């Protein structure tokens, strides 16, 4: 699927390619902002990506154009592209098919944080993401590995009765904060409400990413009457 026409206005003549005719490109997840990988593009790779809507890179080791996912099936749908203030780095907003960007099978190439490199793979650490995604990960981790004294685990142990009661209470407090027109209280109550909603999602096995996908799908949808 070709990318939206505004992206075709990318001023290729203003980009600063290196002496080999290449420019680094960072691939970022379109939903949670996670950095998935970094590779290189030349002018042809950029033009092919814009024309097809699927990301192409330039392989420095093979010295050829590289259609991401052609062999693995893990294609990258291009949803946006920007260049930095020096016009010498690209930021690609992409939809990663199969949720795997790294050749090791990890979601992101950026999975190591310790002194020794690891092999990556499906069990590798997930990449840093937005705060709501990180919160959802913590809640799911509590469900899978309960911790003594954890408020999250107390909610999960109480099931729907306890969780939904708290959502009702937090919803009312959020409404009252809005009625009082207190920005700080509104932000605080909104945070409490989101947390308890995420606990309910975890309790029912609904991934936070699914919520993000629904919200993204509603962007640009026909307006309700």
C-alpha atoms as a PDB file:
ATOM      1  CA  UNK A   1       0.000   0.000   0.000  1.00  0.00           C
ATOM      2  CA  UNK A   2       1.579   3.324  -1.037  1.00  0.00           C
ATOM      3  CA  UNK A   3       2.101   5.856   1.721  1.00  0.00           C
ATOM      4  CA  UNK A   4      -0.130   8.972   1.958  1.00  0.00           C
ATOM      5  CA  UNK A   5       0.698  11.618  -0.635  1.00  0.00           C
ATOM      6  CA  UNK A   6       2.088  14.247   1.830  1.00  0.00           C
ATOM      7  CA  UNK A   7       5.097  11.979   2.379  1.00  0.00           C
ATOM      8  CA  UNK A   8       5.912  12.205  -1.302  1.00  0.00           C
ATOM      9  CA  UNK A   9       6.881  15.822  -0.681  1.00  0.00           C
ATOM     10  CA  UNK A  10      10.002  14.713   1.206  1.00  0.00           C
ATOM     11  CA  UNK A  11      12.757  17.006  -0.147  1.00  0.00           C
ATOM     12  CA  UNK A  12      15.340  14.409  -1.120  1.00  0.00           C
ATOM     13  CA  UNK A  13      17.620  17.069  -2.562  1.00  0.00           C
ATOM     14  CA  UNK A  14      17.934  18.651   0.905  1.00  0.00           C
ATOM     15  CA  UNK A  15      18.953  15.453   2.682  1.00  0.00           C
ATOM     16  CA  UNK A  16      22.624  15.171   3.609  1.00  0.00           C
ATOM     17  CA  UNK A  17      23.839  11.753   2.459  1.00  0.00           C
ATOM     18  CA  UNK A  18      27.340  10.681   3.473  1.00  0.00           C
ATOM     19  CA  UNK A  19      30.228  10.146   1.078  1.00  0.00           C
ATOM     20  CA  UNK A  20      28.857   6.693   0.232  1.00  0.00           C
ATOM     21  CA  UNK A  21      25.462   8.168  -0.645  1.00  0.00           C
ATOM     22  CA  UNK A  22      23.849   6.796   2.504  1.00  0.00           C
ATOM     23  CA  UNK A  23      21.834   8.245   5.381  1.00  0.00           C
ATOM     24  CA  UNK A  24      21.043   6.492   8.705  1.00  0.00           C
ATOM     25  CA  UNK A  25      17.384   5.670   9.289  1.00  0.00           C
ATOM     26  CA  UNK A  26      15.804   4.892  12.661  1.00  0.00           C
ATOM     27  CA  UNK A  27      12.645   2.774  12.630  1.00  0.00           C
ATOM     28  CA  UNK A  28      10.135   3.668  15.355  1.00  0.00           C
ATOM     29  CA  UNK A  29       6.937   1.807  16.230  1.00  0.00           C
ATOM     30  CA  UNK A  30       3.859   3.766  15.167  1.00  0.00           C
ATOM     31  CA  UNK A  31       1.861   2.956  18.305  1.00  0.00           C
ATOM     32  CA  UNK A  32       4.145   3.068  21.350  1.00  0.00           C
ATOM     33  CA  UNK A  33       7.129   4.999  19.997  1.00  0.00           C
ATOM     34  CA  UNK A  34       9.589   2.175  20.659  1.00  0.00           C
ATOM     35  CA  UNK A  35      12.812   2.308  18.654  1.00  0.00           C
ATOM     36  CA  UNK A  36      12.999  -0.955  16.735  1.00  0.00           C
ATOM     37  CA  UNK A  37      16.149  -0.749  14.630  1.00  0.00           C
ATOM     38  CA  UNK A  38      18.625   1.414  12.767  1.00  0.00           C
ATOM     39  CA  UNK A  39      19.751   0.807   9.214  1.00  0.00           C
ATOM     40  CA  UNK A  40      20.903   2.742   6.155  1.00  0.00           C
ATOM     41  CA  UNK A  41      19.079   4.124   3.137  1.00  0.00           C
ATOM     42  CA  UNK A  42      20.216   5.595  -0.134  1.00  0.00           C
ATOM     43  CA  UNK A  43      18.098   7.692  -2.443  1.00  0.00           C
ATOM     44  CA  UNK A  44      16.727   4.647  -4.258  1.00  0.00           C
ATOM     45  CA  UNK A  45      15.729   2.969  -0.971  1.00  0.00           C
ATOM     46  CA  UNK A  46      13.853   6.088   0.095  1.00  0.00           C
ATOM     47  CA  UNK A  47      12.105   6.427  -3.260  1.00  0.00           C
ATOM     48  CA  UNK A  48      11.153   2.748  -3.277  1.00  0.00           C
ATOM     49  CA  UNK A  49       9.822   2.989   0.287  1.00  0.00           C
ATOM     50  CA  UNK A  50       7.717   6.020  -0.583  1.00  0.00           C
ATOM     51  CA  UNK A  51       6.401   4.450  -3.772  1.00  0.00           C
ATOM     52  CA  UNK A  52       5.472   1.060  -2.293  1.00  0.00           C
ATOM     53  CA  UNK A  53       4.614   1.961   1.290  1.00  0.00           C
ATOM     54  CA  UNK A  54       6.944  -0.793   2.535  1.00  0.00           C
ATOM     55  CA  UNK A  55      10.380   0.089   3.892  1.00  0.00           C
ATOM     56  CA  UNK A  56      13.480  -0.639   1.845  1.00  0.00           C
ATOM     57  CA  UNK A  57      17.018  -0.176   3.142  1.00  0.00           C
ATOM     58  CA  UNK A  58      20.487  -0.377   1.654  1.00  0.00           C
ATOM     59  CA  UNK A  59      22.583  -3.315   2.815  1.00  0.00           C
ATOM     60  CA  UNK A  60      26.178  -2.212   3.260  1.00  0.00           C
ATOM     61  CA  UNK A  61      27.417  -5.791   3.638  1.00  0.00           C
ATOM     62  CA  UNK A  62      25.686  -7.078   0.490  1.00  0.00           C
ATOM     63  CA  UNK A  63      25.857  -3.779  -1.394  1.00  0.00           C
ATOM     64  CA  UNK A  64      22.280  -4.067  -2.575  1.00  0.00           C
ATOM     65  CA  UNK A  65      18.784  -2.787  -1.955  1.00  0.00           C
ATOM     66  CA  UNK A  66      17.107  -4.612   0.930  1.00  0.00           C
ATOM     67  CA  UNK A  67      13.328  -4.979   1.107  1.00  0.00           C
ATOM     68  CA  UNK A  68      12.780  -5.423   4.843  1.00  0.00           C
ATOM     69  CA  UNK A  69      10.837  -8.619   5.452  1.00  0.00           C
ATOM     70  CA  UNK A  70      11.289 -10.101   1.976  1.00  0.00           C
ATOM     71  CA  UNK A  71      12.874 -13.244   3.444  1.00  0.00           C
ATOM     72  CA  UNK A  72      11.444 -13.233   6.992  1.00  0.00           C
ATOM     73  CA  UNK A  73       7.934 -11.981   6.304  1.00  0.00           C
ATOM     74  CA  UNK A  74       8.444  -9.220   8.871  1.00  0.00           C
ATOM     75  CA  UNK A  75       7.637  -6.328   6.554  1.00  0.00           C
ATOM     76  CA  UNK A  76       7.581  -2.726   7.701  1.00  0.00           C
ATOM     77  CA  UNK A  77       4.698  -0.592   6.542  1.00  0.00           C
ATOM     78  CA  UNK A  78       5.786   3.036   6.294  1.00  0.00           C
ATOM     79  CA  UNK A  79       3.415   5.374   8.106  1.00  0.00           C
ATOM     80  CA  UNK A  80       5.563   8.489   8.338  1.00  0.00           C
ATOM     81  CA  UNK A  81       9.019   9.832   7.693  1.00  0.00           C
ATOM     82  CA  UNK A  82      10.876  12.823   9.089  1.00  0.00           C
ATOM     83  CA  UNK A  83      14.404  14.155   8.926  1.00  0.00           C
ATOM     84  CA  UNK A  84      16.333  15.808  11.751  1.00  0.00           C
ATOM     85  CA  UNK A  85      17.500  19.409  12.149  1.00  0.00           C
ATOM     86  CA  UNK A  86      20.729  18.683  10.247  1.00  0.00           C
ATOM     87  CA  UNK A  87      18.907  16.690   7.555  1.00  0.00           C
ATOM     88  CA  UNK A  88      21.394  13.837   7.994  1.00  0.00           C
ATOM     89  CA  UNK A  89      19.238  11.280   9.882  1.00  0.00           C
ATOM     90  CA  UNK A  90      15.797   9.892   9.024  1.00  0.00           C
ATOM     91  CA  UNK A  91      13.082   8.829  11.465  1.00  0.00           C
ATOM     92  CA  UNK A  92      10.697   6.264  10.029  1.00  0.00           C
ATOM     93  CA  UNK A  93       7.357   5.679  11.713  1.00  0.00           C
ATOM     94  CA  UNK A  94       6.510   2.109  10.854  1.00  0.00           C
ATOM     95  CA  UNK A  95       3.986  -0.641  11.424  1.00  0.00           C
ATOM     96  CA  UNK A  96       6.058  -3.763  12.064  1.00  0.00           C
ATOM     97  CA  UNK A  97       4.414  -6.899  10.729  1.00  0.00           C
ATOM     98  CA  UNK A  98       4.786  -9.854  13.070  1.00  0.00           C
ATOM     99  CA  UNK A  99       6.089  -7.599  15.868  1.00  0.00           C
ATOM    100  CA  UNK A 100       9.661  -8.675  15.051  1.00  0.00           C
ATOM    101  CA  UNK A 101      12.200  -6.196  13.689  1.00  0.00           C
ATOM    102  CA  UNK A 102      15.515  -7.803  14.707  1.00  0.00           C
ATOM    103  CA  UNK A 103      17.129 -10.649  12.766  1.00  0.00           C
ATOM    104  CA  UNK A 104      17.543 -12.509  16.084  1.00  0.00           C
ATOM    105  CA  UNK A 105      13.781 -12.723  16.503  1.00  0.00           C
ATOM    106  CA  UNK A 106      13.588  -9.945  19.090  1.00  0.00           C
ATOM    107  CA  UNK A 107      11.027  -7.220  18.702  1.00  0.00           C
ATOM    108  CA  UNK A 108      13.760  -4.566  18.680  1.00  0.00           C
ATOM    109  CA  UNK A 109      17.474  -4.631  17.970  1.00  0.00           C
ATOM    110  CA  UNK A 110      17.939  -2.581  21.166  1.00  0.00           C
ATOM    111  CA  UNK A 111      17.501  -5.268  23.809  1.00  0.00           C
ATOM    112  CA  UNK A 112      20.799  -5.309  25.711  1.00  0.00           C
ATOM    113  CA  UNK A 113      21.443  -3.130  28.758  1.00  0.00           C
ATOM    114  CA  UNK A 114      23.985  -5.157  30.756  1.00  0.00           C
ATOM    115  CA  UNK A 115      27.776  -5.415  30.473  1.00  0.00           C
ATOM    116  CA  UNK A 116      27.662  -8.500  28.234  1.00  0.00           C
ATOM    117  CA  UNK A 117      25.771  -8.849  24.941  1.00  0.00           C
ATOM    118  CA  UNK A 118      23.079 -11.499  24.702  1.00  0.00           C
ATOM    119  CA  UNK A 119      21.668 -13.485  21.814  1.00  0.00           C
ATOM    120  CA  UNK A 120      18.369 -11.621  21.604  1.00  0.00           C
ATOM    121  CA  UNK A 121      15.488 -13.708  20.355  1.00  0.00           C
ATOM    122  CA  UNK A 122      11.858 -13.853  21.383  1.00  0.00           C
ATOM    123  CA  UNK A 123      12.683 -13.678  25.115  1.00  0.00           C
ATOM    124  CA  UNK A 124      14.844 -10.550  24.809  1.00  0.00           C
ATOM    125  CA  UNK A 125      13.965  -7.442  26.775  1.00  0.00           C
ATOM    126  CA  UNK A 126      11.340  -5.311  25.043  1.00  0.00           C
ATOM    127  CA  UNK A 127      12.455  -1.857  23.930  1.00  0.00           C
ATOM    128  CA  UNK A 128      11.652   1.202  26.060  1.00  0.00           C
ATOM    129  CA  UNK A 129       8.255   2.631  25.127  1.00  0.00           C
ATOM    130  CA  UNK A 130       5.769   5.285  26.211  1.00  0.00           C
ATOM    131  CA  UNK A 131       4.826   5.473  29.875  1.00  0.00           C
ATOM    132  CA  UNK A 132       1.398   3.836  29.452  1.00  0.00           C
ATOM    133  CA  UNK A 133       2.939   0.865  27.673  1.00  0.00           C
ATOM    134  CA  UNK A 134       5.592   0.543  30.372  1.00  0.00           C
ATOM    135  CA  UNK A 135       2.887   0.678  33.071  1.00  0.00           C
ATOM    136  CA  UNK A 136       0.904  -2.040  31.305  1.00  0.00           C
ATOM    137  CA  UNK A 137       4.024  -4.222  31.236  1.00  0.00           C
ATOM    138  CA  UNK A 138       4.462  -3.845  34.986  1.00  0.00           C
ATOM    139  CA  UNK A 139       0.835  -4.769  35.637  1.00  0.00           C
ATOM    140  CA  UNK A 140       1.060  -7.865  33.430  1.00  0.00           C
ATOM    141  CA  UNK A 141       4.290  -8.827  35.184  1.00  0.00           C
ATOM    142  CA  UNK A 142       2.511  -8.567  38.556  1.00  0.00           C
ATOM    143  CA  UNK A 143      -0.242 -10.838  37.264  1.00  0.00           C
ATOM    144  CA  UNK A 144       2.283 -13.409  36.076  1.00  0.00           C
ATOM    145  CA  UNK A 145       4.599 -13.113  39.102  1.00  0.00           C
ATOM    146  CA  UNK A 146       2.682 -11.784  42.129  1.00  0.00           C
ATOM    147  CA  UNK A 147       4.555  -9.764  44.738  1.00  0.00           C
ATOM    148  CA  UNK A 148       3.648  -9.694  48.397  1.00  0.00           C
ATOM    149  CA  UNK A 149       2.090  -6.409  49.450  1.00  0.00           C
ATOM    150  CA  UNK A 150       1.530  -5.253  45.872  1.00  0.00           C
ATOM    151  CA  UNK A 151      -1.558  -3.074  45.472  1.00  0.00           C
ATOM    152  CA  UNK A 152      -1.854  -4.285  41.884  1.00  0.00           C
ATOM    153  CA  UNK A 153      -1.957  -7.900  43.060  1.00  0.00           C
ATOM    154  CA  UNK A 154      -4.598  -7.074  45.666  1.00  0.00           C
ATOM    155  CA  UNK A 155      -6.765  -5.685  42.888  1.00  0.00           C
ATOM    156  CA  UNK A 156      -6.143  -8.679  40.639  1.00  0.00           C
ATOM    157  CA  UNK A 157      -6.872 -11.108  43.473  1.00  0.00           C
ATOM    158  CA  UNK A 158     -10.164  -9.326  44.094  1.00  0.00           C
ATOM    159  CA  UNK A 159     -11.236  -9.838  40.506  1.00  0.00           C
ATOM    160  CA  UNK A 160     -13.928  -7.820  38.789  1.00  0.00           C
ATOM    161  CA  UNK A 161     -15.725  -6.928  42.012  1.00  0.00           C
ATOM    162  CA  UNK A 162     -12.750  -5.057  43.435  1.00  0.00           C
ATOM    163  CA  UNK A 163     -11.333  -3.751  40.149  1.00  0.00           C
ATOM    164  CA  UNK A 164     -14.604  -2.417  38.732  1.00  0.00           C
ATOM    165  CA  UNK A 165     -15.544  -0.840  42.055  1.00  0.00           C
ATOM    166  CA  UNK A 166     -12.270   1.108  41.961  1.00  0.00           C
ATOM    167  CA  UNK A 167     -12.862   2.149  38.346  1.00  0.00           C
ATOM    168  CA  UNK A 168     -16.259   3.505  39.375  1.00  0.00           C
ATOM    169  CA  UNK A 169     -14.727   5.429  42.268  1.00  0.00           C
ATOM    170  CA  UNK A 170     -11.872   6.818  40.174  1.00  0.00           C
ATOM    171  CA  UNK A 171     -14.281   7.806  37.398  1.00  0.00           C
ATOM    172  CA  UNK A 172     -16.361   9.807  39.853  1.00  0.00           C
ATOM    173  CA  UNK A 173     -13.260  11.489  41.272  1.00  0.00           C
ATOM    174  CA  UNK A 174     -12.100  12.378  37.762  1.00  0.00           C
ATOM    175  CA  UNK A 175     -15.493  13.922  37.007  1.00  0.00           C
ATOM    176  CA  UNK A 176     -15.365  15.985  40.194  1.00  0.00           C
ATOM    177  CA  UNK A 177     -11.825  17.170  39.420  1.00  0.00           C
ATOM    178  CA  UNK A 178     -13.057  18.355  36.037  1.00  0.00           C
ATOM    179  CA  UNK A 179     -16.009  20.098  37.680  1.00  0.00           C
ATOM    180  CA  UNK A 180     -13.568  21.874  40.008  1.00  0.00           C
ATOM    181  CA  UNK A 181     -11.442  22.838  36.995  1.00  0.00           C
ATOM    182  CA  UNK A 182      -8.229  21.872  38.783  1.00  0.00           C
ATOM    183  CA  UNK A 183      -5.557  20.905  36.211  1.00  0.00           C
ATOM    184  CA  UNK A 184      -3.342  19.121  38.758  1.00  0.00           C
ATOM    185  CA  UNK A 185      -6.225  17.132  40.215  1.00  0.00           C
ATOM    186  CA  UNK A 186      -7.563  16.324  36.760  1.00  0.00           C
ATOM    187  CA  UNK A 187      -4.164  14.955  35.723  1.00  0.00           C
ATOM    188  CA  UNK A 188      -3.826  12.948  38.928  1.00  0.00           C
ATOM    189  CA  UNK A 189      -7.306  11.454  38.746  1.00  0.00           C
ATOM    190  CA  UNK A 190      -6.860  10.680  35.046  1.00  0.00           C
ATOM    191  CA  UNK A 191      -3.658   8.799  35.880  1.00  0.00           C
ATOM    192  CA  UNK A 192      -5.467   6.832  38.605  1.00  0.00           C
ATOM    193  CA  UNK A 193      -8.286   5.983  36.214  1.00  0.00           C
ATOM    194  CA  UNK A 194      -5.925   4.820  33.463  1.00  0.00           C
ATOM    195  CA  UNK A 195      -4.041   2.628  35.933  1.00  0.00           C
ATOM    196  CA  UNK A 196      -7.188   0.885  37.144  1.00  0.00           C
ATOM    197  CA  UNK A 197      -8.442   0.447  33.571  1.00  0.00           C
ATOM    198  CA  UNK A 198      -5.146  -1.206  32.717  1.00  0.00           C
ATOM    199  CA  UNK A 199      -5.535  -3.545  35.685  1.00  0.00           C
ATOM    200  CA  UNK A 200      -8.972  -4.533  34.348  1.00  0.00           C
ATOM    201  CA  UNK A 201      -7.472  -5.130  30.917  1.00  0.00           C
ATOM    202  CA  UNK A 202      -4.757  -7.354  32.384  1.00  0.00           C
ATOM    203  CA  UNK A 203      -7.333  -9.242  34.445  1.00  0.00           C
ATOM    204  CA  UNK A 204      -9.277 -10.026  31.282  1.00  0.00           C
ATOM    205  CA  UNK A 205      -6.195 -10.760  29.187  1.00  0.00           C
ATOM    206  CA  UNK A 206      -6.623  -7.775  26.871  1.00  0.00           C
ATOM    207  CA  UNK A 207      -3.288  -6.350  25.753  1.00  0.00           C
ATOM    208  CA  UNK A 208      -2.802  -2.586  26.089  1.00  0.00           C
ATOM    209  CA  UNK A 209      -1.509  -2.561  22.527  1.00  0.00           C
ATOM    210  CA  UNK A 210      -4.927  -3.705  21.347  1.00  0.00           C
ATOM    211  CA  UNK A 211      -6.388  -0.535  22.865  1.00  0.00           C
ATOM    212  CA  UNK A 212      -3.752   1.524  21.052  1.00  0.00           C
ATOM    213  CA  UNK A 213      -4.650  -0.201  17.786  1.00  0.00           C
ATOM    214  CA  UNK A 214      -8.335   0.597  18.249  1.00  0.00           C
ATOM    215  CA  UNK A 215      -7.550   4.246  18.959  1.00  0.00           C
ATOM    216  CA  UNK A 216      -5.259   4.438  15.935  1.00  0.00           C
ATOM    217  CA  UNK A 217      -7.918   2.856  13.712  1.00  0.00           C
ATOM    218  CA  UNK A 218     -10.394   5.530  14.747  1.00  0.00           C
ATOM    219  CA  UNK A 219      -8.136   8.324  13.543  1.00  0.00           C
ATOM    220  CA  UNK A 220      -9.471   9.536  10.235  1.00  0.00           C
ATOM    221  CA  UNK A 221     -12.582   7.368  10.540  1.00  0.00           C
ATOM    222  CA  UNK A 222     -15.895   8.867   9.375  1.00  0.00           C
ATOM    223  CA  UNK A 223     -17.329  11.281  11.902  1.00  0.00           C
ATOM    224  CA  UNK A 224     -20.246  10.138  13.961  1.00  0.00           C
ATOM    225  CA  UNK A 225     -23.545  11.813  13.167  1.00  0.00           C
END
